[in-house]
Amino acid sequence: MHIKKDDMVQIISGDDNGKQGRVLKVYPVEGRLIVEGINFIKRHTRPSQKLQQGGIIEREGPINVSNAMVICPKCNKLTKTGMKLVTDETKNKVSRVRYCKKCSEMIVSKQSS
């Protein structure tokens, strides 16, 4: 999947077209993701031990990964991402990294650091 957790994305189709947000959770098997502040759904809940009040709760719902596009942290443009193999000379290790296809800058997500 070309989008990872903590990436900044922009919605390119649907009701929230043009809005930007940070990816909170990714479901790679389903091809869906949850973006902060996008696609709010209403959930009717009963009072419980965890939630004393109950009522209608709004939270973000999942959207299809094809409806979101990564924003490059360097050039601040919508971009497709590619994969490169990078060798680390000190550890003698090869790793895959994502890069922006517009400015060729590596996109390093916070979770892999």
PDB file of N, CA and C in Angstrom:
ATOM      1  N   MET A   1       0.846  -1.177   0.000  1.00  0.00           N
ATOM      2  CA  MET A   1       0.000   0.000   0.000  1.00  0.00           C
ATOM      3  C   MET A   1       0.892   1.241   0.000  1.00  0.00           C
ATOM      4  N   HIS A   2       0.531   2.236  -0.788  1.00  0.00           N
ATOM      5  CA  HIS A   2       1.375   3.408  -0.957  1.00  0.00           C
ATOM      6  C   HIS A   2       1.139   4.488   0.090  1.00  0.00           C
ATOM      7  N   ILE A   3       0.163   4.311   0.980  1.00  0.00           N
ATOM      8  CA  ILE A   3      -0.099   5.277   2.044  1.00  0.00           C
ATOM      9  C   ILE A   3       0.138   4.593   3.379  1.00  0.00           C
ATOM     10  N   LYS A   4       0.854   5.284   4.267  1.00  0.00           N
ATOM     11  CA  LYS A   4       1.187   4.742   5.581  1.00  0.00           C
ATOM     12  C   LYS A   4       0.584   5.622   6.671  1.00  0.00           C
ATOM     13  N   LYS A   5       0.595   5.115   7.900  1.00  0.00           N
ATOM     14  CA  LYS A   5       0.116   5.867   9.052  1.00  0.00           C
ATOM     15  C   LYS A   5       0.962   7.126   9.228  1.00  0.00           C
ATOM     16  N   ASP A   6       0.338   8.224   9.648  1.00  0.00           N
ATOM     17  CA  ASP A   6       0.945   9.536   9.887  1.00  0.00           C
ATOM     18  C   ASP A   6       1.318  10.288   8.610  1.00  0.00           C
ATOM     19  N   ASP A   7       0.951   9.792   7.419  1.00  0.00           N
ATOM     20  CA  ASP A   7       1.152  10.556   6.184  1.00  0.00           C
ATOM     21  C   ASP A   7       0.096  11.655   6.107  1.00  0.00           C
ATOM     22  N   MET A   8       0.455  12.771   5.467  1.00  0.00           N
ATOM     23  CA  MET A   8      -0.525  13.799   5.160  1.00  0.00           C
ATOM     24  C   MET A   8      -1.107  13.468   3.788  1.00  0.00           C
ATOM     25  N   VAL A   9      -2.435  13.422   3.709  1.00  0.00           N
ATOM     26  CA  VAL A   9      -3.096  13.084   2.449  1.00  0.00           C
ATOM     27  C   VAL A   9      -4.154  14.120   2.132  1.00  0.00           C
ATOM     28  N   GLN A  10      -4.526  14.172   0.860  1.00  0.00           N
ATOM     29  CA  GLN A  10      -5.633  15.007   0.414  1.00  0.00           C
ATOM     30  C   GLN A  10      -6.644  14.100  -0.260  1.00  0.00           C
ATOM     31  N   ILE A  11      -7.919  14.351   0.015  1.00  0.00           N
ATOM     32  CA  ILE A  11      -8.990  13.556  -0.572  1.00  0.00           C
ATOM     33  C   ILE A  11      -9.235  14.071  -1.989  1.00  0.00           C
ATOM     34  N   ILE A  12      -9.255  13.160  -2.968  1.00  0.00           N
ATOM     35  CA  ILE A  12      -9.375  13.573  -4.364  1.00  0.00           C
ATOM     36  C   ILE A  12     -10.737  13.265  -4.967  1.00  0.00           C
ATOM     37  N   SER A  13     -11.625  12.577  -4.217  1.00  0.00           N
ATOM     38  CA  SER A  13     -12.974  12.346  -4.717  1.00  0.00           C
ATOM     39  C   SER A  13     -13.911  12.071  -3.558  1.00  0.00           C
ATOM     40  N   GLY A  14     -15.190  12.267  -3.794  1.00  0.00           N
ATOM     41  CA  GLY A  14     -16.185  12.011  -2.762  1.00  0.00           C
ATOM     42  C   GLY A  14     -16.683  13.290  -2.110  1.00  0.00           C
ATOM     43  N   ASP A  15     -17.414  13.137  -1.010  1.00  0.00           N
ATOM     44  CA  ASP A  15     -18.009  14.281  -0.320  1.00  0.00           C
ATOM     45  C   ASP A  15     -16.969  15.225   0.267  1.00  0.00           C
ATOM     46  N   ASP A  16     -15.835  14.693   0.698  1.00  0.00           N
ATOM     47  CA  ASP A  16     -14.793  15.496   1.333  1.00  0.00           C
ATOM     48  C   ASP A  16     -13.684  15.883   0.357  1.00  0.00           C
ATOM     49  N   ASN A  17     -14.004  15.996  -0.917  1.00  0.00           N
ATOM     50  CA  ASN A  17     -13.030  16.316  -1.954  1.00  0.00           C
ATOM     51  C   ASN A  17     -12.292  17.616  -1.637  1.00  0.00           C
ATOM     52  N   GLY A  18     -10.942  17.558  -1.677  1.00  0.00           N
ATOM     53  CA  GLY A  18     -10.130  18.749  -1.444  1.00  0.00           C
ATOM     54  C   GLY A  18      -9.662  18.927  -0.010  1.00  0.00           C
ATOM     55  N   LYS A  19     -10.238  18.190   0.932  1.00  0.00           N
ATOM     56  CA  LYS A  19      -9.830  18.310   2.332  1.00  0.00           C
ATOM     57  C   LYS A  19      -8.538  17.543   2.573  1.00  0.00           C
ATOM     58  N   GLN A  20      -7.764  18.038   3.547  1.00  0.00           N
ATOM     59  CA  GLN A  20      -6.500  17.400   3.887  1.00  0.00           C
ATOM     60  C   GLN A  20      -6.542  16.915   5.323  1.00  0.00           C
ATOM     61  N   GLY A  21      -5.771  15.871   5.618  1.00  0.00           N
ATOM     62  CA  GLY A  21      -5.711  15.343   6.973  1.00  0.00           C
ATOM     63  C   GLY A  21      -4.596  14.332   7.123  1.00  0.00           C
ATOM     64  N   ARG A  22      -4.355  13.958   8.381  1.00  0.00           N
ATOM     65  CA  ARG A  22      -3.314  12.988   8.710  1.00  0.00           C
ATOM     66  C   ARG A  22      -3.945  11.608   8.814  1.00  0.00           C
ATOM     67  N   VAL A  23      -3.260  10.589   8.313  1.00  0.00           N
ATOM     68  CA  VAL A  23      -3.773   9.226   8.349  1.00  0.00           C
ATOM     69  C   VAL A  23      -3.638   8.688   9.769  1.00  0.00           C
ATOM     70  N   LEU A  24      -4.767   8.245  10.350  1.00  0.00           N
ATOM     71  CA  LEU A  24      -4.773   7.720  11.704  1.00  0.00           C
ATOM     72  C   LEU A  24      -4.577   6.215  11.735  1.00  0.00           C
ATOM     73  N   LYS A  25      -5.194   5.514  10.782  1.00  0.00           N
ATOM     74  CA  LYS A  25      -5.126   4.062  10.773  1.00  0.00           C
ATOM     75  C   LYS A  25      -5.246   3.554   9.342  1.00  0.00           C
ATOM     76  N   VAL A  26      -4.539   2.450   9.046  1.00  0.00           N
ATOM     77  CA  VAL A  26      -4.553   1.873   7.710  1.00  0.00           C
ATOM     78  C   VAL A  26      -4.995   0.419   7.813  1.00  0.00           C
ATOM     79  N   TYR A  27      -5.914   0.025   6.940  1.00  0.00           N
ATOM     80  CA  TYR A  27      -6.374  -1.364   6.840  1.00  0.00           C
ATOM     81  C   TYR A  27      -5.943  -1.894   5.476  1.00  0.00           C
ATOM     82  N   PRO A  28      -4.725  -2.473   5.353  1.00  0.00           N
ATOM     83  CA  PRO A  28      -4.229  -2.864   4.036  1.00  0.00           C
ATOM     84  C   PRO A  28      -5.001  -3.996   3.379  1.00  0.00           C
ATOM     85  N   VAL A  29      -5.562  -4.911   4.153  1.00  0.00           N
ATOM     86  CA  VAL A  29      -6.298  -6.036   3.562  1.00  0.00           C
ATOM     87  C   VAL A  29      -7.565  -5.541   2.884  1.00  0.00           C
ATOM     88  N   GLU A  30      -8.269  -4.600   3.537  1.00  0.00           N
ATOM     89  CA  GLU A  30      -9.499  -4.060   2.964  1.00  0.00           C
ATOM     90  C   GLU A  30      -9.233  -2.939   1.966  1.00  0.00           C
ATOM     91  N   GLY A  31      -8.016  -2.363   1.973  1.00  0.00           N
ATOM     92  CA  GLY A  31      -7.702  -1.246   1.090  1.00  0.00           C
ATOM     93  C   GLY A  31      -8.369   0.032   1.539  1.00  0.00           C
ATOM     94  N   ARG A  32      -8.475   0.231   2.849  1.00  0.00           N
ATOM     95  CA  ARG A  32      -9.154   1.396   3.399  1.00  0.00           C
ATOM     96  C   ARG A  32      -8.263   2.079   4.428  1.00  0.00           C
ATOM     97  N   LEU A  33      -8.566   3.336   4.724  1.00  0.00           N
ATOM     98  CA  LEU A  33      -7.821   4.063   5.736  1.00  0.00           C
ATOM     99  C   LEU A  33      -8.718   5.079   6.424  1.00  0.00           C
ATOM    100  N   ILE A  34      -8.321   5.471   7.641  1.00  0.00           N
ATOM    101  CA  ILE A  34      -9.050   6.473   8.408  1.00  0.00           C
ATOM    102  C   ILE A  34      -8.204   7.726   8.455  1.00  0.00           C
ATOM    103  N   VAL A  35      -8.791   8.857   8.031  1.00  0.00           N
ATOM    104  CA  VAL A  35      -8.094  10.130   7.969  1.00  0.00           C
ATOM    105  C   VAL A  35      -8.725  11.077   8.993  1.00  0.00           C
ATOM    106  N   GLU A  36      -7.871  11.809   9.692  1.00  0.00           N
ATOM    107  CA  GLU A  36      -8.308  12.732  10.738  1.00  0.00           C
ATOM    108  C   GLU A  36      -9.195  13.831  10.146  1.00  0.00           C
ATOM    109  N   GLY A  37     -10.425  13.958  10.673  1.00  0.00           N
ATOM    110  CA  GLY A  37     -11.344  15.007  10.251  1.00  0.00           C
ATOM    111  C   GLY A  37     -12.087  14.749   8.955  1.00  0.00           C
ATOM    112  N   ILE A  38     -12.010  13.535   8.424  1.00  0.00           N
ATOM    113  CA  ILE A  38     -12.640  13.206   7.135  1.00  0.00           C
ATOM    114  C   ILE A  38     -13.656  12.088   7.325  1.00  0.00           C
ATOM    115  N   ASN A  39     -14.783  12.165   6.598  1.00  0.00           N
ATOM    116  CA  ASN A  39     -15.799  11.119   6.539  1.00  0.00           C
ATOM    117  C   ASN A  39     -16.376  10.780   7.914  1.00  0.00           C
ATOM    118  N   PHE A  40     -16.976  11.779   8.558  1.00  0.00           N
ATOM    119  CA  PHE A  40     -17.569  11.555   9.870  1.00  0.00           C
ATOM    120  C   PHE A  40     -18.824  10.690   9.758  1.00  0.00           C
ATOM    121  N   ILE A  41     -18.949   9.720  10.666  1.00  0.00           N
ATOM    122  CA  ILE A  41     -20.134   8.885  10.758  1.00  0.00           C
ATOM    123  C   ILE A  41     -20.722   9.044  12.150  1.00  0.00           C
ATOM    124  N   LYS A  42     -22.014   8.817  12.266  1.00  0.00           N
ATOM    125  CA  LYS A  42     -22.689   8.915  13.557  1.00  0.00           C
ATOM    126  C   LYS A  42     -22.977   7.528  14.085  1.00  0.00           C
ATOM    127  N   ARG A  43     -22.609   7.298  15.325  1.00  0.00           N
ATOM    128  CA  ARG A  43     -22.798   5.990  15.963  1.00  0.00           C
ATOM    129  C   ARG A  43     -23.711   6.187  17.161  1.00  0.00           C
ATOM    130  N   HIS A  44     -24.815   5.461  17.200  1.00  0.00           N
ATOM    131  CA  HIS A  44     -25.751   5.523  18.315  1.00  0.00           C
ATOM    132  C   HIS A  44     -25.310   4.498  19.350  1.00  0.00           C
ATOM    133  N   THR A  45     -24.947   4.971  20.546  1.00  0.00           N
ATOM    134  CA  THR A  45     -24.421   4.062  21.562  1.00  0.00           C
ATOM    135  C   THR A  45     -25.271   4.099  22.820  1.00  0.00           C
ATOM    136  N   ARG A  46     -25.311   2.977  23.498  1.00  0.00           N
ATOM    137  CA  ARG A  46     -26.015   2.885  24.776  1.00  0.00           C
ATOM    138  C   ARG A  46     -25.056   3.260  25.900  1.00  0.00           C
ATOM    139  N   PRO A  47     -25.569   3.687  27.031  1.00  0.00           N
ATOM    140  CA  PRO A  47     -24.688   3.938  28.171  1.00  0.00           C
ATOM    141  C   PRO A  47     -24.036   2.637  28.637  1.00  0.00           C
ATOM    142  N   SER A  48     -22.752   2.722  29.012  1.00  0.00           N
ATOM    143  CA  SER A  48     -22.015   1.552  29.475  1.00  0.00           C
ATOM    144  C   SER A  48     -21.044   1.988  30.568  1.00  0.00           C
ATOM    145  N   GLN A  49     -20.247   1.058  31.074  1.00  0.00           N
ATOM    146  CA  GLN A  49     -19.255   1.389  32.096  1.00  0.00           C
ATOM    147  C   GLN A  49     -18.228   2.382  31.548  1.00  0.00           C
ATOM    148  N   LYS A  50     -17.817   2.156  30.304  1.00  0.00           N
ATOM    149  CA  LYS A  50     -16.809   3.027  29.695  1.00  0.00           C
ATOM    150  C   LYS A  50     -17.396   4.387  29.328  1.00  0.00           C
ATOM    151  N   LEU A  51     -18.607   4.390  28.778  1.00  0.00           N
ATOM    152  CA  LEU A  51     -19.254   5.616  28.327  1.00  0.00           C
ATOM    153  C   LEU A  51     -20.542   5.799  29.127  1.00  0.00           C
ATOM    154  N   GLN A  52     -20.499   6.598  30.165  1.00  0.00           N
ATOM    155  CA  GLN A  52     -21.632   6.761  31.074  1.00  0.00           C
ATOM    156  C   GLN A  52     -22.844   7.407  30.397  1.00  0.00           C
ATOM    157  N   GLN A  53     -22.597   8.385  29.521  1.00  0.00           N
ATOM    158  CA  GLN A  53     -23.685   9.176  28.959  1.00  0.00           C
ATOM    159  C   GLN A  53     -24.461   8.445  27.860  1.00  0.00           C
ATOM    160  N   GLY A  54     -23.766   7.828  26.907  1.00  0.00           N
ATOM    161  CA  GLY A  54     -24.450   7.246  25.753  1.00  0.00           C
ATOM    162  C   GLY A  54     -24.845   8.336  24.775  1.00  0.00           C
ATOM    163  N   GLY A  55     -25.663   8.021  23.786  1.00  0.00           N
ATOM    164  CA  GLY A  55     -26.131   9.011  22.821  1.00  0.00           C
ATOM    165  C   GLY A  55     -25.504   8.819  21.455  1.00  0.00           C
ATOM    166  N   ILE A  56     -25.452   9.917  20.689  1.00  0.00           N
ATOM    167  CA  ILE A  56     -24.934   9.877  19.327  1.00  0.00           C
ATOM    168  C   ILE A  56     -23.490  10.382  19.347  1.00  0.00           C
ATOM    169  N   ILE A  57     -22.586   9.553  18.865  1.00  0.00           N
ATOM    170  CA  ILE A  57     -21.163   9.885  18.850  1.00  0.00           C
ATOM    171  C   ILE A  57     -20.711   9.997  17.404  1.00  0.00           C
ATOM    172  N   GLU A  58     -20.000  11.087  17.074  1.00  0.00           N
ATOM    173  CA  GLU A  58     -19.446  11.251  15.734  1.00  0.00           C
ATOM    174  C   GLU A  58     -17.974  10.877  15.756  1.00  0.00           C
ATOM    175  N   ARG A  59     -17.558  10.096  14.753  1.00  0.00           N
ATOM    176  CA  ARG A  59     -16.149   9.742  14.626  1.00  0.00           C
ATOM    177  C   ARG A  59     -15.834   9.522  13.154  1.00  0.00           C
ATOM    178  N   GLU A  60     -14.530   9.432  12.846  1.00  0.00           N
ATOM    179  CA  GLU A  60     -14.125   9.248  11.460  1.00  0.00           C
ATOM    180  C   GLU A  60     -14.398   7.824  10.998  1.00  0.00           C
ATOM    181  N   GLY A  61     -14.869   7.706   9.776  1.00  0.00           N
ATOM    182  CA  GLY A  61     -15.100   6.403   9.185  1.00  0.00           C
ATOM    183  C   GLY A  61     -14.043   6.116   8.133  1.00  0.00           C
ATOM    184  N   PRO A  62     -13.883   4.857   7.744  1.00  0.00           N
ATOM    185  CA  PRO A  62     -12.858   4.524   6.748  1.00  0.00           C
ATOM    186  C   PRO A  62     -13.261   4.955   5.339  1.00  0.00           C
ATOM    187  N   ILE A  63     -12.260   5.311   4.543  1.00  0.00           N
ATOM    188  CA  ILE A  63     -12.467   5.636   3.133  1.00  0.00           C
ATOM    189  C   ILE A  63     -11.565   4.729   2.307  1.00  0.00           C
ATOM    190  N   ASN A  64     -11.867   4.618   1.042  1.00  0.00           N
ATOM    191  CA  ASN A  64     -11.056   3.785   0.158  1.00  0.00           C
ATOM    192  C   ASN A  64      -9.718   4.468  -0.107  1.00  0.00           C
ATOM    193  N   VAL A  65      -8.665   3.691  -0.182  1.00  0.00           N
ATOM    194  CA  VAL A  65      -7.318   4.237  -0.370  1.00  0.00           C
ATOM    195  C   VAL A  65      -7.178   4.934  -1.723  1.00  0.00           C
ATOM    196  N   SER A  66      -7.988   4.563  -2.698  1.00  0.00           N
ATOM    197  CA  SER A  66      -7.908   5.192  -4.018  1.00  0.00           C
ATOM    198  C   SER A  66      -8.469   6.610  -4.013  1.00  0.00           C
ATOM    199  N   ASN A  67      -9.185   6.992  -2.964  1.00  0.00           N
ATOM    200  CA  ASN A  67      -9.752   8.338  -2.875  1.00  0.00           C
ATOM    201  C   ASN A  67      -8.822   9.328  -2.188  1.00  0.00           C
ATOM    202  N   ALA A  68      -7.635   8.886  -1.791  1.00  0.00           N
ATOM    203  CA  ALA A  68      -6.682   9.762  -1.113  1.00  0.00           C
ATOM    204  C   ALA A  68      -5.357   9.754  -1.846  1.00  0.00           C
ATOM    205  N   MET A  69      -4.648  10.898  -1.783  1.00  0.00           N
ATOM    206  CA  MET A  69      -3.358  11.023  -2.429  1.00  0.00           C
ATOM    207  C   MET A  69      -2.362  11.644  -1.451  1.00  0.00           C
ATOM    208  N   VAL A  70      -1.133  11.147  -1.452  1.00  0.00           N
ATOM    209  CA  VAL A  70      -0.111  11.604  -0.519  1.00  0.00           C
ATOM    210  C   VAL A  70       0.342  13.023  -0.876  1.00  0.00           C
ATOM    211  N   ILE A  71       0.569  13.842   0.154  1.00  0.00           N
ATOM    212  CA  ILE A  71       1.153  15.171  -0.018  1.00  0.00           C
ATOM    213  C   ILE A  71       2.624  15.067   0.347  1.00  0.00           C
ATOM    214  N   CYS A  72       3.498  15.437  -0.583  1.00  0.00           N
ATOM    215  CA  CYS A  72       4.943  15.365  -0.348  1.00  0.00           C
ATOM    216  C   CYS A  72       5.337  16.376   0.721  1.00  0.00           C
ATOM    217  N   PRO A  73       6.094  15.956   1.757  1.00  0.00           N
ATOM    218  CA  PRO A  73       6.480  16.901   2.804  1.00  0.00           C
ATOM    219  C   PRO A  73       7.452  17.982   2.327  1.00  0.00           C
ATOM    220  N   LYS A  74       8.188  17.719   1.246  1.00  0.00           N
ATOM    221  CA  LYS A  74       9.164  18.711   0.776  1.00  0.00           C
ATOM    222  C   LYS A  74       8.533  19.729  -0.173  1.00  0.00           C
ATOM    223  N   CYS A  75       7.869  19.239  -1.235  1.00  0.00           N
ATOM    224  CA  CYS A  75       7.339  20.163  -2.245  1.00  0.00           C
ATOM    225  C   CYS A  75       5.877  20.544  -2.002  1.00  0.00           C
ATOM    226  N   ASN A  76       5.214  19.948  -1.003  1.00  0.00           N
ATOM    227  CA  ASN A  76       3.822  20.249  -0.639  1.00  0.00           C
ATOM    228  C   ASN A  76       2.860  20.118  -1.817  1.00  0.00           C
ATOM    229  N   LYS A  77       3.070  19.120  -2.669  1.00  0.00           N
ATOM    230  CA  LYS A  77       2.183  18.866  -3.793  1.00  0.00           C
ATOM    231  C   LYS A  77       1.648  17.450  -3.695  1.00  0.00           C
ATOM    232  N   LEU A  78       0.484  17.222  -4.326  1.00  0.00           N
ATOM    233  CA  LEU A  78      -0.040  15.867  -4.426  1.00  0.00           C
ATOM    234  C   LEU A  78       0.878  15.067  -5.322  1.00  0.00           C
ATOM    235  N   THR A  79       1.192  13.851  -4.908  1.00  0.00           N
ATOM    236  CA  THR A  79       2.144  13.075  -5.680  1.00  0.00           C
ATOM    237  C   THR A  79       1.847  11.597  -5.611  1.00  0.00           C
ATOM    238  N   LYS A  80       2.286  10.898  -6.631  1.00  0.00           N
ATOM    239  CA  LYS A  80       2.322   9.447  -6.580  1.00  0.00           C
ATOM    240  C   LYS A  80       3.626   9.071  -5.890  1.00  0.00           C
ATOM    241  N   THR A  81       3.669   7.892  -5.309  1.00  0.00           N
ATOM    242  CA  THR A  81       4.889   7.463  -4.645  1.00  0.00           C
ATOM    243  C   THR A  81       5.470   6.269  -5.363  1.00  0.00           C
ATOM    244  N   GLY A  82       6.781   6.174  -5.325  1.00  0.00           N
ATOM    245  CA  GLY A  82       7.484   5.038  -5.889  1.00  0.00           C
ATOM    246  C   GLY A  82       8.319   4.389  -4.800  1.00  0.00           C
ATOM    247  N   MET A  83       8.898   3.233  -5.107  1.00  0.00           N
ATOM    248  CA  MET A  83       9.748   2.531  -4.148  1.00  0.00           C
ATOM    249  C   MET A  83      11.171   2.475  -4.694  1.00  0.00           C
ATOM    250  N   LYS A  84      12.140   2.713  -3.801  1.00  0.00           N
ATOM    251  CA  LYS A  84      13.550   2.602  -4.139  1.00  0.00           C
ATOM    252  C   LYS A  84      14.216   1.659  -3.159  1.00  0.00           C
ATOM    253  N   LEU A  85      15.245   0.987  -3.622  1.00  0.00           N
ATOM    254  CA  LEU A  85      16.084   0.202  -2.731  1.00  0.00           C
ATOM    255  C   LEU A  85      17.281   1.062  -2.341  1.00  0.00           C
ATOM    256  N   VAL A  86      17.474   1.242  -1.039  1.00  0.00           N
ATOM    257  CA  VAL A  86      18.568   2.063  -0.541  1.00  0.00           C
ATOM    258  C   VAL A  86      19.454   1.195   0.331  1.00  0.00           C
ATOM    259  N   THR A  87      20.762   1.281   0.102  1.00  0.00           N
ATOM    260  CA  THR A  87      21.687   0.492   0.909  1.00  0.00           C
ATOM    261  C   THR A  87      22.268   1.361   2.016  1.00  0.00           C
ATOM    262  N   ASP A  88      22.302   0.820   3.215  1.00  0.00           N
ATOM    263  CA  ASP A  88      22.901   1.493   4.364  1.00  0.00           C
ATOM    264  C   ASP A  88      24.301   0.922   4.532  1.00  0.00           C
ATOM    265  N   GLU A  89      25.315   1.752   4.252  1.00  0.00           N
ATOM    266  CA  GLU A  89      26.712   1.289   4.250  1.00  0.00           C
ATOM    267  C   GLU A  89      27.182   0.871   5.634  1.00  0.00           C
ATOM    268  N   THR A  90      26.717   1.561   6.691  1.00  0.00           N
ATOM    269  CA  THR A  90      27.202   1.253   8.040  1.00  0.00           C
ATOM    270  C   THR A  90      26.694  -0.109   8.517  1.00  0.00           C
ATOM    271  N   LYS A  91      25.439  -0.417   8.214  1.00  0.00           N
ATOM    272  CA  LYS A  91      24.851  -1.682   8.669  1.00  0.00           C
ATOM    273  C   LYS A  91      24.914  -2.771   7.613  1.00  0.00           C
ATOM    274  N   ASN A  92      25.335  -2.390   6.373  1.00  0.00           N
ATOM    275  CA  ASN A  92      25.390  -3.339   5.259  1.00  0.00           C
ATOM    276  C   ASN A  92      24.017  -3.966   5.020  1.00  0.00           C
ATOM    277  N   LYS A  93      23.001  -3.102   4.966  1.00  0.00           N
ATOM    278  CA  LYS A  93      21.627  -3.563   4.870  1.00  0.00           C
ATOM    279  C   LYS A  93      20.914  -2.816   3.741  1.00  0.00           C
ATOM    280  N   VAL A  94      20.043  -3.517   3.016  1.00  0.00           N
ATOM    281  CA  VAL A  94      19.251  -2.920   1.945  1.00  0.00           C
ATOM    282  C   VAL A  94      17.821  -2.761   2.449  1.00  0.00           C
ATOM    283  N   SER A  95      17.242  -1.560   2.249  1.00  0.00           N
ATOM    284  CA  SER A  95      15.863  -1.336   2.681  1.00  0.00           C
ATOM    285  C   SER A  95      15.084  -0.625   1.583  1.00  0.00           C
ATOM    286  N   ARG A  96      13.772  -0.805   1.604  1.00  0.00           N
ATOM    287  CA  ARG A  96      12.891  -0.149   0.634  1.00  0.00           C
ATOM    288  C   ARG A  96      12.369   1.142   1.244  1.00  0.00           C
ATOM    289  N   VAL A  97      12.416   2.216   0.483  1.00  0.00           N
ATOM    290  CA  VAL A  97      11.879   3.498   0.942  1.00  0.00           C
ATOM    291  C   VAL A  97      10.971   4.069  -0.138  1.00  0.00           C
ATOM    292  N   ARG A  98      10.001   4.852   0.279  1.00  0.00           N
ATOM    293  CA  ARG A  98       9.106   5.527  -0.666  1.00  0.00           C
ATOM    294  C   ARG A  98       9.725   6.854  -1.068  1.00  0.00           C
ATOM    295  N   TYR A  99       9.417   7.300  -2.294  1.00  0.00           N
ATOM    296  CA  TYR A  99       9.907   8.601  -2.733  1.00  0.00           C
ATOM    297  C   TYR A  99       8.837   9.303  -3.550  1.00  0.00           C
ATOM    298  N   CYS A 100       8.922  10.629  -3.556  1.00  0.00           N
ATOM    299  CA  CYS A 100       8.001  11.479  -4.318  1.00  0.00           C
ATOM    300  C   CYS A 100       8.406  11.421  -5.778  1.00  0.00           C
ATOM    301  N   LYS A 101       7.460  11.148  -6.657  1.00  0.00           N
ATOM    302  CA  LYS A 101       7.783  11.043  -8.080  1.00  0.00           C
ATOM    303  C   LYS A 101       7.931  12.414  -8.742  1.00  0.00           C
ATOM    304  N   LYS A 102       7.550  13.510  -8.044  1.00  0.00           N
ATOM    305  CA  LYS A 102       7.714  14.845  -8.612  1.00  0.00           C
ATOM    306  C   LYS A 102       9.070  15.444  -8.293  1.00  0.00           C
ATOM    307  N   CYS A 103       9.506  15.332  -7.017  1.00  0.00           N
ATOM    308  CA  CYS A 103      10.773  15.959  -6.627  1.00  0.00           C
ATOM    309  C   CYS A 103      11.845  14.936  -6.263  1.00  0.00           C
ATOM    310  N   SER A 104      11.543  13.652  -6.333  1.00  0.00           N
ATOM    311  CA  SER A 104      12.470  12.545  -6.040  1.00  0.00           C
ATOM    312  C   SER A 104      13.007  12.553  -4.611  1.00  0.00           C
ATOM    313  N   GLU A 105      12.313  13.210  -3.704  1.00  0.00           N
ATOM    314  CA  GLU A 105      12.711  13.240  -2.291  1.00  0.00           C
ATOM    315  C   GLU A 105      12.125  12.025  -1.577  1.00  0.00           C
ATOM    316  N   MET A 106      12.883  11.448  -0.645  1.00  0.00           N
ATOM    317  CA  MET A 106      12.401  10.291   0.100  1.00  0.00           C
ATOM    318  C   MET A 106      11.298  10.718   1.070  1.00  0.00           C
ATOM    319  N   ILE A 107      10.262   9.906   1.171  1.00  0.00           N
ATOM    320  CA  ILE A 107       9.173  10.134   2.116  1.00  0.00           C
ATOM    321  C   ILE A 107       9.356   9.127   3.262  1.00  0.00           C
ATOM    322  N   VAL A 108       9.752   9.635   4.395  1.00  0.00           N
ATOM    323  CA  VAL A 108      10.003   8.781   5.533  1.00  0.00           C
ATOM    324  C   VAL A 108       8.856   8.965   6.511  1.00  0.00           C
ATOM    325  N   SER A 109       8.139   7.868   6.808  1.00  0.00           N
ATOM    326  CA  SER A 109       7.032   7.958   7.751  1.00  0.00           C
ATOM    327  C   SER A 109       7.571   7.837   9.176  1.00  0.00           C
ATOM    328  N   LYS A 110       6.856   8.410  10.131  1.00  0.00           N
ATOM    329  CA  LYS A 110       7.296   8.447  11.524  1.00  0.00           C
ATOM    330  C   LYS A 110       7.353   7.059  12.143  1.00  0.00           C
ATOM    331  N   GLN A 111       6.467   6.152  11.712  1.00  0.00           N
ATOM    332  CA  GLN A 111       6.426   4.827  12.319  1.00  0.00           C
ATOM    333  C   GLN A 111       7.627   3.985  11.957  1.00  0.00           C
ATOM    334  N   SER A 112       8.254   4.213  10.795  1.00  0.00           N
ATOM    335  CA  SER A 112       9.407   3.407  10.408  1.00  0.00           C
ATOM    336  C   SER A 112      10.709   3.942  10.989  1.00  0.00           C
ATOM    337  N   SER A 113      10.691   5.174  11.536  1.00  0.00           N
ATOM    338  CA  SER A 113      11.898   5.765  12.116  1.00  0.00           C
ATOM    339  C   SER A 113      12.201   5.177  13.467  1.00  0.00           C
TER     340      SER A 113
END
